[in-house]
Amino acid sequence: MEKSLLMEGLSDAIGFVGGALLGFWIGRFFGLDIFDAGYNNASIGGIVLVGLGGGVGLQVARRWQKIRKESTKS
């Protein structure tokens, strides 16, 4: 049981960080920099993309876990 919880936590973390990084790089591609000085439209847009990317990455990781659990049960 502990090993499955560890794997669940690791996959959540990897999904979140991977999604956030993907959102960061997509934002950089479009000129939206989260590290821009002040809170202008470019920095806020970059922050939103990083947040959305992290959330989507986490959801992808959780769906992968669910599919993996269902395939091991049958």
PDB file of N, CA and C in Angstrom:
ATOM      1  N   MET A   1       0.820  -1.191   0.000  1.00  0.00           N
ATOM      2  CA  MET A   1       0.000   0.000   0.000  1.00  0.00           C
ATOM      3  C   MET A   1       0.864   1.254   0.000  1.00  0.00           C
ATOM      4  N   GLU A   2       1.933   1.264   0.805  1.00  0.00           N
ATOM      5  CA  GLU A   2       2.783   2.448   0.879  1.00  0.00           C
ATOM      6  C   GLU A   2       3.465   2.730  -0.449  1.00  0.00           C
ATOM      7  N   LYS A   3       3.847   1.667  -1.156  1.00  0.00           N
ATOM      8  CA  LYS A   3       4.512   1.864  -2.444  1.00  0.00           C
ATOM      9  C   LYS A   3       3.558   2.497  -3.454  1.00  0.00           C
ATOM     10  N   SER A   4       2.288   2.088  -3.420  1.00  0.00           N
ATOM     11  CA  SER A   4       1.338   2.679  -4.365  1.00  0.00           C
ATOM     12  C   SER A   4       1.076   4.153  -4.033  1.00  0.00           C
ATOM     13  N   LEU A   5       1.081   4.500  -2.756  1.00  0.00           N
ATOM     14  CA  LEU A   5       0.907   5.904  -2.379  1.00  0.00           C
ATOM     15  C   LEU A   5       2.111   6.731  -2.807  1.00  0.00           C
ATOM     16  N   LEU A   6       3.302   6.156  -2.683  1.00  0.00           N
ATOM     17  CA  LEU A   6       4.500   6.849  -3.127  1.00  0.00           C
ATOM     18  C   LEU A   6       4.462   7.070  -4.635  1.00  0.00           C
ATOM     19  N   MET A   7       4.072   6.047  -5.386  1.00  0.00           N
ATOM     20  CA  MET A   7       3.982   6.176  -6.840  1.00  0.00           C
ATOM     21  C   MET A   7       2.911   7.185  -7.236  1.00  0.00           C
ATOM     22  N   GLU A   8       1.810   7.207  -6.502  1.00  0.00           N
ATOM     23  CA  GLU A   8       0.749   8.169  -6.786  1.00  0.00           C
ATOM     24  C   GLU A   8       1.240   9.600  -6.550  1.00  0.00           C
ATOM     25  N   GLY A   9       1.932   9.816  -5.449  1.00  0.00           N
ATOM     26  CA  GLY A   9       2.465  11.142  -5.159  1.00  0.00           C
ATOM     27  C   GLY A   9       3.520  11.573  -6.167  1.00  0.00           C
ATOM     28  N   LEU A  10       4.388  10.647  -6.549  1.00  0.00           N
ATOM     29  CA  LEU A  10       5.422  10.977  -7.529  1.00  0.00           C
ATOM     30  C   LEU A  10       4.827  11.297  -8.892  1.00  0.00           C
ATOM     31  N   SER A  11       3.845  10.514  -9.305  1.00  0.00           N
ATOM     32  CA  SER A  11       3.252  10.784 -10.617  1.00  0.00           C
ATOM     33  C   SER A  11       2.459  12.100 -10.599  1.00  0.00           C
ATOM     34  N   ASP A  12       1.815  12.414  -9.480  1.00  0.00           N
ATOM     35  CA  ASP A  12       1.140  13.715  -9.357  1.00  0.00           C
ATOM     36  C   ASP A  12       2.145  14.850  -9.474  1.00  0.00           C
ATOM     37  N   ALA A  13       3.263  14.711  -8.763  1.00  0.00           N
ATOM     38  CA  ALA A  13       4.280  15.766  -8.788  1.00  0.00           C
ATOM     39  C   ALA A  13       4.885  15.923 -10.174  1.00  0.00           C
ATOM     40  N   ILE A  14       5.188  14.818 -10.816  1.00  0.00           N
ATOM     41  CA  ILE A  14       5.775  14.870 -12.156  1.00  0.00           C
ATOM     42  C   ILE A  14       4.783  15.464 -13.154  1.00  0.00           C
ATOM     43  N   GLY A  15       3.522  15.073 -13.049  1.00  0.00           N
ATOM     44  CA  GLY A  15       2.498  15.622 -13.937  1.00  0.00           C
ATOM     45  C   GLY A  15       2.324  17.119 -13.742  1.00  0.00           C
ATOM     46  N   PHE A  16       2.298  17.557 -12.475  1.00  0.00           N
ATOM     47  CA  PHE A  16       2.116  18.980 -12.197  1.00  0.00           C
ATOM     48  C   PHE A  16       3.312  19.797 -12.678  1.00  0.00           C
ATOM     49  N   VAL A  17       4.503  19.367 -12.324  1.00  0.00           N
ATOM     50  CA  VAL A  17       5.706  20.116 -12.711  1.00  0.00           C
ATOM     51  C   VAL A  17       5.888  20.091 -14.226  1.00  0.00           C
ATOM     52  N   GLY A  18       5.661  18.931 -14.831  1.00  0.00           N
ATOM     53  CA  GLY A  18       5.783  18.842 -16.284  1.00  0.00           C
ATOM     54  C   GLY A  18       4.791  19.738 -16.996  1.00  0.00           C
ATOM     55  N   GLY A  19       3.559  19.763 -16.525  1.00  0.00           N
ATOM     56  CA  GLY A  19       2.554  20.633 -17.120  1.00  0.00           C
ATOM     57  C   GLY A  19       2.870  22.102 -16.913  1.00  0.00           C
ATOM     58  N   ALA A  20       3.363  22.439 -15.718  1.00  0.00           N
ATOM     59  CA  ALA A  20       3.727  23.827 -15.446  1.00  0.00           C
ATOM     60  C   ALA A  20       4.884  24.270 -16.334  1.00  0.00           C
ATOM     61  N   LEU A  21       5.862  23.392 -16.516  1.00  0.00           N
ATOM     62  CA  LEU A  21       6.980  23.729 -17.402  1.00  0.00           C
ATOM     63  C   LEU A  21       6.528  23.876 -18.846  1.00  0.00           C
ATOM     64  N   LEU A  22       5.617  23.007 -19.260  1.00  0.00           N
ATOM     65  CA  LEU A  22       5.086  23.123 -20.615  1.00  0.00           C
ATOM     66  C   LEU A  22       4.338  24.448 -20.784  1.00  0.00           C
ATOM     67  N   GLY A  23       3.543  24.819 -19.785  1.00  0.00           N
ATOM     68  CA  GLY A  23       2.856  26.109 -19.820  1.00  0.00           C
ATOM     69  C   GLY A  23       3.833  27.270 -19.839  1.00  0.00           C
ATOM     70  N   PHE A  24       4.919  27.140 -19.074  1.00  0.00           N
ATOM     71  CA  PHE A  24       5.942  28.185 -19.056  1.00  0.00           C
ATOM     72  C   PHE A  24       6.568  28.360 -20.433  1.00  0.00           C
ATOM     73  N   TRP A  25       6.942  27.251 -21.061  1.00  0.00           N
ATOM     74  CA  TRP A  25       7.599  27.345 -22.372  1.00  0.00           C
ATOM     75  C   TRP A  25       6.643  27.791 -23.471  1.00  0.00           C
ATOM     76  N   ILE A  26       5.385  27.418 -23.380  1.00  0.00           N
ATOM     77  CA  ILE A  26       4.400  27.927 -24.340  1.00  0.00           C
ATOM     78  C   ILE A  26       4.254  29.436 -24.165  1.00  0.00           C
ATOM     79  N   GLY A  27       4.213  29.877 -22.917  1.00  0.00           N
ATOM     80  CA  GLY A  27       4.146  31.310 -22.659  1.00  0.00           C
ATOM     81  C   GLY A  27       5.365  32.049 -23.179  1.00  0.00           C
ATOM     82  N   ARG A  28       6.536  31.480 -22.982  1.00  0.00           N
ATOM     83  CA  ARG A  28       7.755  32.113 -23.495  1.00  0.00           C
ATOM     84  C   ARG A  28       7.728  32.191 -25.017  1.00  0.00           C
ATOM     85  N   PHE A  29       7.191  31.157 -25.659  1.00  0.00           N
ATOM     86  CA  PHE A  29       7.085  31.144 -27.112  1.00  0.00           C
ATOM     87  C   PHE A  29       6.220  32.303 -27.610  1.00  0.00           C
ATOM     88  N   PHE A  30       5.160  32.592 -26.870  1.00  0.00           N
ATOM     89  CA  PHE A  30       4.258  33.674 -27.256  1.00  0.00           C
ATOM     90  C   PHE A  30       4.636  35.021 -26.632  1.00  0.00           C
ATOM     91  N   GLY A  31       5.778  35.095 -25.968  1.00  0.00           N
ATOM     92  CA  GLY A  31       6.250  36.345 -25.399  1.00  0.00           C
ATOM     93  C   GLY A  31       5.644  36.693 -24.051  1.00  0.00           C
ATOM     94  N   LEU A  32       5.092  35.716 -23.360  1.00  0.00           N
ATOM     95  CA  LEU A  32       4.503  35.931 -22.032  1.00  0.00           C
ATOM     96  C   LEU A  32       5.486  35.409 -20.987  1.00  0.00           C
ATOM     97  N   ASP A  33       6.127  36.323 -20.287  1.00  0.00           N
ATOM     98  CA  ASP A  33       7.178  35.951 -19.344  1.00  0.00           C
ATOM     99  C   ASP A  33       6.698  36.171 -17.915  1.00  0.00           C
ATOM    100  N   ILE A  34       6.668  35.106 -17.115  1.00  0.00           N
ATOM    101  CA  ILE A  34       6.203  35.247 -15.734  1.00  0.00           C
ATOM    102  C   ILE A  34       7.202  36.021 -14.879  1.00  0.00           C
ATOM    103  N   PHE A  35       8.430  36.110 -15.320  1.00  0.00           N
ATOM    104  CA  PHE A  35       9.457  36.811 -14.551  1.00  0.00           C
ATOM    105  C   PHE A  35       9.662  38.249 -15.019  1.00  0.00           C
ATOM    106  N   ASP A  36       8.742  38.752 -15.823  1.00  0.00           N
ATOM    107  CA  ASP A  36       8.814  40.134 -16.285  1.00  0.00           C
ATOM    108  C   ASP A  36       8.619  41.076 -15.092  1.00  0.00           C
ATOM    109  N   ALA A  37       9.267  42.218 -15.132  1.00  0.00           N
ATOM    110  CA  ALA A  37       9.175  43.172 -14.022  1.00  0.00           C
ATOM    111  C   ALA A  37       7.755  43.721 -13.894  1.00  0.00           C
ATOM    112  N   GLY A  38       7.234  43.710 -12.687  1.00  0.00           N
ATOM    113  CA  GLY A  38       5.889  44.235 -12.452  1.00  0.00           C
ATOM    114  C   GLY A  38       4.806  43.256 -12.868  1.00  0.00           C
ATOM    115  N   TYR A  39       3.579  43.697 -12.718  1.00  0.00           N
ATOM    116  CA  TYR A  39       2.435  42.877 -13.104  1.00  0.00           C
ATOM    117  C   TYR A  39       1.780  43.482 -14.334  1.00  0.00           C
ATOM    118  N   ASN A  40       2.384  43.237 -15.476  1.00  0.00           N
ATOM    119  CA  ASN A  40       1.780  43.694 -16.722  1.00  0.00           C
ATOM    120  C   ASN A  40       1.024  42.530 -17.357  1.00  0.00           C
ATOM    121  N   ASN A  41       0.415  42.778 -18.492  1.00  0.00           N
ATOM    122  CA  ASN A  41      -0.385  41.729 -19.138  1.00  0.00           C
ATOM    123  C   ASN A  41       0.442  40.509 -19.513  1.00  0.00           C
ATOM    124  N   ALA A  42       1.696  40.725 -19.922  1.00  0.00           N
ATOM    125  CA  ALA A  42       2.544  39.603 -20.317  1.00  0.00           C
ATOM    126  C   ALA A  42       2.867  38.709 -19.125  1.00  0.00           C
ATOM    127  N   SER A  43       3.169  39.286 -17.984  1.00  0.00           N
ATOM    128  CA  SER A  43       3.506  38.461 -16.825  1.00  0.00           C
ATOM    129  C   SER A  43       2.271  37.741 -16.279  1.00  0.00           C
ATOM    130  N   ILE A  44       1.138  38.413 -16.269  1.00  0.00           N
ATOM    131  CA  ILE A  44      -0.084  37.763 -15.785  1.00  0.00           C
ATOM    132  C   ILE A  44      -0.507  36.640 -16.731  1.00  0.00           C
ATOM    133  N   GLY A  45      -0.388  36.870 -18.039  1.00  0.00           N
ATOM    134  CA  GLY A  45      -0.685  35.803 -18.997  1.00  0.00           C
ATOM    135  C   GLY A  45       0.235  34.610 -18.817  1.00  0.00           C
ATOM    136  N   GLY A  46       1.511  34.867 -18.542  1.00  0.00           N
ATOM    137  CA  GLY A  46       2.451  33.773 -18.290  1.00  0.00           C
ATOM    138  C   GLY A  46       2.109  33.009 -17.031  1.00  0.00           C
ATOM    139  N   ILE A  47       1.717  33.728 -15.982  1.00  0.00           N
ATOM    140  CA  ILE A  47       1.330  33.079 -14.728  1.00  0.00           C
ATOM    141  C   ILE A  47       0.100  32.198 -14.938  1.00  0.00           C
ATOM    142  N   VAL A  48      -0.853  32.695 -15.708  1.00  0.00           N
ATOM    143  CA  VAL A  48      -2.068  31.912 -15.990  1.00  0.00           C
ATOM    144  C   VAL A  48      -1.710  30.643 -16.766  1.00  0.00           C
ATOM    145  N   LEU A  49      -0.836  30.758 -17.753  1.00  0.00           N
ATOM    146  CA  LEU A  49      -0.453  29.571 -18.529  1.00  0.00           C
ATOM    147  C   LEU A  49       0.281  28.548 -17.671  1.00  0.00           C
ATOM    148  N   VAL A  50       1.129  28.996 -16.764  1.00  0.00           N
ATOM    149  CA  VAL A  50       1.831  28.063 -15.870  1.00  0.00           C
ATOM    150  C   VAL A  50       0.826  27.369 -14.959  1.00  0.00           C
ATOM    151  N   GLY A  51      -0.128  28.105 -14.423  1.00  0.00           N
ATOM    152  CA  GLY A  51      -1.148  27.505 -13.572  1.00  0.00           C
ATOM    153  C   GLY A  51      -2.022  26.513 -14.309  1.00  0.00           C
ATOM    154  N   LEU A  52      -2.456  26.898 -15.497  1.00  0.00           N
ATOM    155  CA  LEU A  52      -3.272  25.975 -16.298  1.00  0.00           C
ATOM    156  C   LEU A  52      -2.482  24.735 -16.696  1.00  0.00           C
ATOM    157  N   GLY A  53      -1.230  24.942 -17.071  1.00  0.00           N
ATOM    158  CA  GLY A  53      -0.392  23.803 -17.445  1.00  0.00           C
ATOM    159  C   GLY A  53      -0.197  22.845 -16.287  1.00  0.00           C
ATOM    160  N   GLY A  54       0.031  23.375 -15.092  1.00  0.00           N
ATOM    161  CA  GLY A  54       0.177  22.520 -13.915  1.00  0.00           C
ATOM    162  C   GLY A  54      -1.092  21.743 -13.613  1.00  0.00           C
ATOM    163  N   GLY A  55      -2.233  22.401 -13.721  1.00  0.00           N
ATOM    164  CA  GLY A  55      -3.506  21.723 -13.477  1.00  0.00           C
ATOM    165  C   GLY A  55      -3.801  20.640 -14.501  1.00  0.00           C
ATOM    166  N   VAL A  56      -3.539  20.944 -15.754  1.00  0.00           N
ATOM    167  CA  VAL A  56      -3.764  19.945 -16.811  1.00  0.00           C
ATOM    168  C   VAL A  56      -2.796  18.772 -16.648  1.00  0.00           C
ATOM    169  N   GLY A  57      -1.545  19.067 -16.322  1.00  0.00           N
ATOM    170  CA  GLY A  57      -0.574  17.995 -16.103  1.00  0.00           C
ATOM    171  C   GLY A  57      -0.968  17.097 -14.954  1.00  0.00           C
ATOM    172  N   LEU A  58      -1.486  17.676 -13.890  1.00  0.00           N
ATOM    173  CA  LEU A  58      -1.947  16.884 -12.745  1.00  0.00           C
ATOM    174  C   LEU A  58      -3.127  16.006 -13.134  1.00  0.00           C
ATOM    175  N   GLN A  59      -4.081  16.555 -13.886  1.00  0.00           N
ATOM    176  CA  GLN A  59      -5.232  15.766 -14.315  1.00  0.00           C
ATOM    177  C   GLN A  59      -4.830  14.625 -15.238  1.00  0.00           C
ATOM    178  N   VAL A  60      -3.867  14.870 -16.116  1.00  0.00           N
ATOM    179  CA  VAL A  60      -3.365  13.806 -17.000  1.00  0.00           C
ATOM    180  C   VAL A  60      -2.719  12.704 -16.170  1.00  0.00           C
ATOM    181  N   ALA A  61      -1.931  13.092 -15.163  1.00  0.00           N
ATOM    182  CA  ALA A  61      -1.289  12.097 -14.302  1.00  0.00           C
ATOM    183  C   ALA A  61      -2.321  11.272 -13.546  1.00  0.00           C
ATOM    184  N   ARG A  62      -3.364  11.917 -13.062  1.00  0.00           N
ATOM    185  CA  ARG A  62      -4.393  11.182 -12.317  1.00  0.00           C
ATOM    186  C   ARG A  62      -5.185  10.240 -13.215  1.00  0.00           C
ATOM    187  N   ARG A  63      -5.466  10.667 -14.433  1.00  0.00           N
ATOM    188  CA  ARG A  63      -6.167   9.770 -15.369  1.00  0.00           C
ATOM    189  C   ARG A  63      -5.288   8.596 -15.742  1.00  0.00           C
ATOM    190  N   TRP A  64      -3.988   8.828 -15.893  1.00  0.00           N
ATOM    191  CA  TRP A  64      -3.054   7.741 -16.180  1.00  0.00           C
ATOM    192  C   TRP A  64      -3.038   6.742 -15.018  1.00  0.00           C
ATOM    193  N   GLN A  65      -3.053   7.263 -13.778  1.00  0.00           N
ATOM    194  CA  GLN A  65      -3.090   6.385 -12.605  1.00  0.00           C
ATOM    195  C   GLN A  65      -4.362   5.546 -12.593  1.00  0.00           C
ATOM    196  N   LYS A  66      -5.485   6.170 -12.925  1.00  0.00           N
ATOM    197  CA  LYS A  66      -6.761   5.464 -12.923  1.00  0.00           C
ATOM    198  C   LYS A  66      -6.768   4.353 -13.962  1.00  0.00           C
ATOM    199  N   ILE A  67      -6.279   4.656 -15.164  1.00  0.00           N
ATOM    200  CA  ILE A  67      -6.221   3.640 -16.216  1.00  0.00           C
ATOM    201  C   ILE A  67      -5.281   2.509 -15.819  1.00  0.00           C
ATOM    202  N   ARG A  68      -4.175   2.881 -15.206  1.00  0.00           N
ATOM    203  CA  ARG A  68      -3.190   1.872 -14.772  1.00  0.00           C
ATOM    204  C   ARG A  68      -3.779   0.956 -13.683  1.00  0.00           C
ATOM    205  N   LYS A  69      -4.527   1.525 -12.735  1.00  0.00           N
ATOM    206  CA  LYS A  69      -5.144   0.717 -11.690  1.00  0.00           C
ATOM    207  C   LYS A  69      -6.190  -0.213 -12.267  1.00  0.00           C
ATOM    208  N   GLU A  70      -6.992   0.282 -13.236  1.00  0.00           N
ATOM    209  CA  GLU A  70      -8.036  -0.548 -13.831  1.00  0.00           C
ATOM    210  C   GLU A  70      -7.433  -1.687 -14.649  1.00  0.00           C
ATOM    211  N   SER A  71      -6.299  -1.448 -15.287  1.00  0.00           N
ATOM    212  CA  SER A  71      -5.694  -2.510 -16.091  1.00  0.00           C
ATOM    213  C   SER A  71      -5.039  -3.575 -15.219  1.00  0.00           C
ATOM    214  N   THR A  72      -4.591  -3.232 -14.024  1.00  0.00           N
ATOM    215  CA  THR A  72      -3.995  -4.240 -13.139  1.00  0.00           C
ATOM    216  C   THR A  72      -5.049  -5.050 -12.408  1.00  0.00           C
ATOM    217  N   LYS A  73      -6.258  -4.515 -12.254  1.00  0.00           N
ATOM    218  CA  LYS A  73      -7.337  -5.257 -11.577  1.00  0.00           C
ATOM    219  C   LYS A  73      -7.853  -6.400 -12.443  1.00  0.00           C
ATOM    220  N   SER A  74      -7.915  -6.198 -13.754  1.00  0.00           N
ATOM    221  CA  SER A  74      -8.501  -7.221 -14.616  1.00  0.00           C
ATOM    222  C   SER A  74      -7.471  -8.154 -15.181  1.00  0.00           C
TER     223      SER A  74
END
